[in-house]
C-alpha atoms as a PDB file:
ATOM      1  CA  MET A   1       0.000   0.000   0.000  1.00  0.00           C
ATOM      2  CA  ARG A   2       1.136   3.558  -0.661  1.00  0.00           C
ATOM      3  CA  LEU A   3       1.415   6.028   2.208  1.00  0.00           C
ATOM      4  CA  VAL A   4       2.987   9.421   2.635  1.00  0.00           C
ATOM      5  CA  LEU A   5       5.288   8.860   5.598  1.00  0.00           C
ATOM      6  CA  ASN A   6       7.005  11.899   7.092  1.00  0.00           C
ATOM      7  CA  GLY A   7       6.657  13.701   3.769  1.00  0.00           C
ATOM      8  CA  GLU A   8       7.899  10.839   1.555  1.00  0.00           C
ATOM      9  CA  GLU A   9       5.759   8.508  -0.528  1.00  0.00           C
ATOM     10  CA  THR A  10       6.396   5.019   0.842  1.00  0.00           C
ATOM     11  CA  ILE A  11       5.187   1.559  -0.096  1.00  0.00           C
ATOM     12  CA  VAL A  12       4.540  -0.820   2.804  1.00  0.00           C
ATOM     13  CA  PRO A  13       2.893  -4.252   3.053  1.00  0.00           C
ATOM     14  CA  ASP A  14      -0.898  -4.327   3.161  1.00  0.00           C
ATOM     15  CA  ASP A  15      -2.810  -5.253   6.333  1.00  0.00           C
ATOM     16  CA  LEU A  16      -0.322  -3.912   8.887  1.00  0.00           C
ATOM     17  CA  THR A  17      -1.615  -2.506  12.135  1.00  0.00           C
ATOM     18  CA  PHE A  18       0.189   0.587  13.331  1.00  0.00           C
ATOM     19  CA  LEU A  19       2.253  -1.661  15.630  1.00  0.00           C
ATOM     20  CA  GLY A  20       3.124  -3.816  12.623  1.00  0.00           C
ATOM     21  CA  LEU A  21       4.061  -0.722  10.639  1.00  0.00           C
ATOM     22  CA  LEU A  22       6.346   0.452  13.437  1.00  0.00           C
ATOM     23  CA  ALA A  23       8.030  -2.977  13.500  1.00  0.00           C
ATOM     24  CA  HIS A  24       8.375  -2.923   9.704  1.00  0.00           C
ATOM     25  CA  LEU A  25      10.086   0.482   9.986  1.00  0.00           C
ATOM     26  CA  ALA A  26      12.269  -0.726  12.912  1.00  0.00           C
ATOM     27  CA  LEU A  27      10.724   1.936  15.182  1.00  0.00           C
ATOM     28  CA  ASP A  28       9.273  -0.435  17.768  1.00  0.00           C
ATOM     29  CA  ALA A  29      12.092  -0.060  20.299  1.00  0.00           C
ATOM     30  CA  GLY A  30      10.891   3.102  22.017  1.00  0.00           C
ATOM     31  CA  PRO A  31       8.023   5.531  22.433  1.00  0.00           C
ATOM     32  CA  VAL A  32       6.549   7.029  19.273  1.00  0.00           C
ATOM     33  CA  ALA A  33       3.703   9.331  18.328  1.00  0.00           C
ATOM     34  CA  ILE A  34       1.703   8.688  15.167  1.00  0.00           C
ATOM     35  CA  GLU A  35      -0.378  11.294  13.387  1.00  0.00           C
ATOM     36  CA  ARG A  36      -2.705  10.080  10.617  1.00  0.00           C
ATOM     37  CA  ASN A  37      -4.176  12.680   8.287  1.00  0.00           C
ATOM     38  CA  GLY A  38      -3.743  15.389  10.915  1.00  0.00           C
ATOM     39  CA  GLU A  39      -5.158  13.387  13.848  1.00  0.00           C
ATOM     40  CA  ILE A  40      -3.131  11.698  16.609  1.00  0.00           C
ATOM     41  CA  VAL A  41      -3.631   7.923  16.757  1.00  0.00           C
ATOM     42  CA  PRO A  42      -3.953   7.082  20.476  1.00  0.00           C
ATOM     43  CA  ARG A  43      -1.267   4.622  21.630  1.00  0.00           C
ATOM     44  CA  ARG A  44      -3.954   2.234  22.910  1.00  0.00           C
ATOM     45  CA  GLU A  45      -5.202   1.916  19.301  1.00  0.00           C
ATOM     46  CA  HIS A  46      -1.817   1.115  17.705  1.00  0.00           C
ATOM     47  CA  GLY A  47      -2.429  -2.650  17.937  1.00  0.00           C
ATOM     48  CA  ALA A  48      -5.920  -2.605  16.413  1.00  0.00           C
ATOM     49  CA  SER A  49      -5.981   0.369  14.006  1.00  0.00           C
ATOM     50  CA  ARG A  50      -4.587   0.135  10.504  1.00  0.00           C
ATOM     51  CA  PRO A  51      -3.396   2.765   8.071  1.00  0.00           C
ATOM     52  CA  ALA A  52      -5.277   2.958   4.768  1.00  0.00           C
ATOM     53  CA  GLU A  53      -4.079   3.429   1.204  1.00  0.00           C
ATOM     54  CA  GLY A  54      -3.143   7.075   0.656  1.00  0.00           C
ATOM     55  CA  ASP A  55      -2.959   8.052   4.346  1.00  0.00           C
ATOM     56  CA  THR A  56      -0.521  10.775   5.299  1.00  0.00           C
ATOM     57  CA  LEU A  57       1.408   9.747   8.407  1.00  0.00           C
ATOM     58  CA  GLU A  58       3.845  11.593  10.595  1.00  0.00           C
ATOM     59  CA  ILE A  59       5.756   9.353  12.984  1.00  0.00           C
ATOM     60  CA  VAL A  60       7.922  10.877  15.685  1.00  0.00           C
ATOM     61  CA  HIS A  61      10.336   8.594  17.541  1.00  0.00           C
ATOM     62  CA  PHE A  62      11.388   9.963  20.911  1.00  0.00           C
ATOM     63  CA  VAL A  63      15.017   9.607  21.898  1.00  0.00           C
ATOM     64  CA  GLY A  64      16.314  10.333  25.401  1.00  0.00           C
ATOM     65  CA  GLY A  65      19.599  11.988  26.136  1.00  0.00           C
ATOM     66  CA  GLY A  66      21.181  15.106  27.393  1.00  0.00           C
END
């Protein structure tokens, strides 16, 4: 499926949940925020909700440090 991910058109496997998408992108190691089409996807919905063809996603991966 085609998505716009952080401003770049990206092709990812169909039928991924948001958790599956994060794993596919190797972003499942820490806290992230996902925005779909201008709306935040609540973390509790990451395992059940799925992106759809043509969605625009912004994914922010938080990194600790000083």
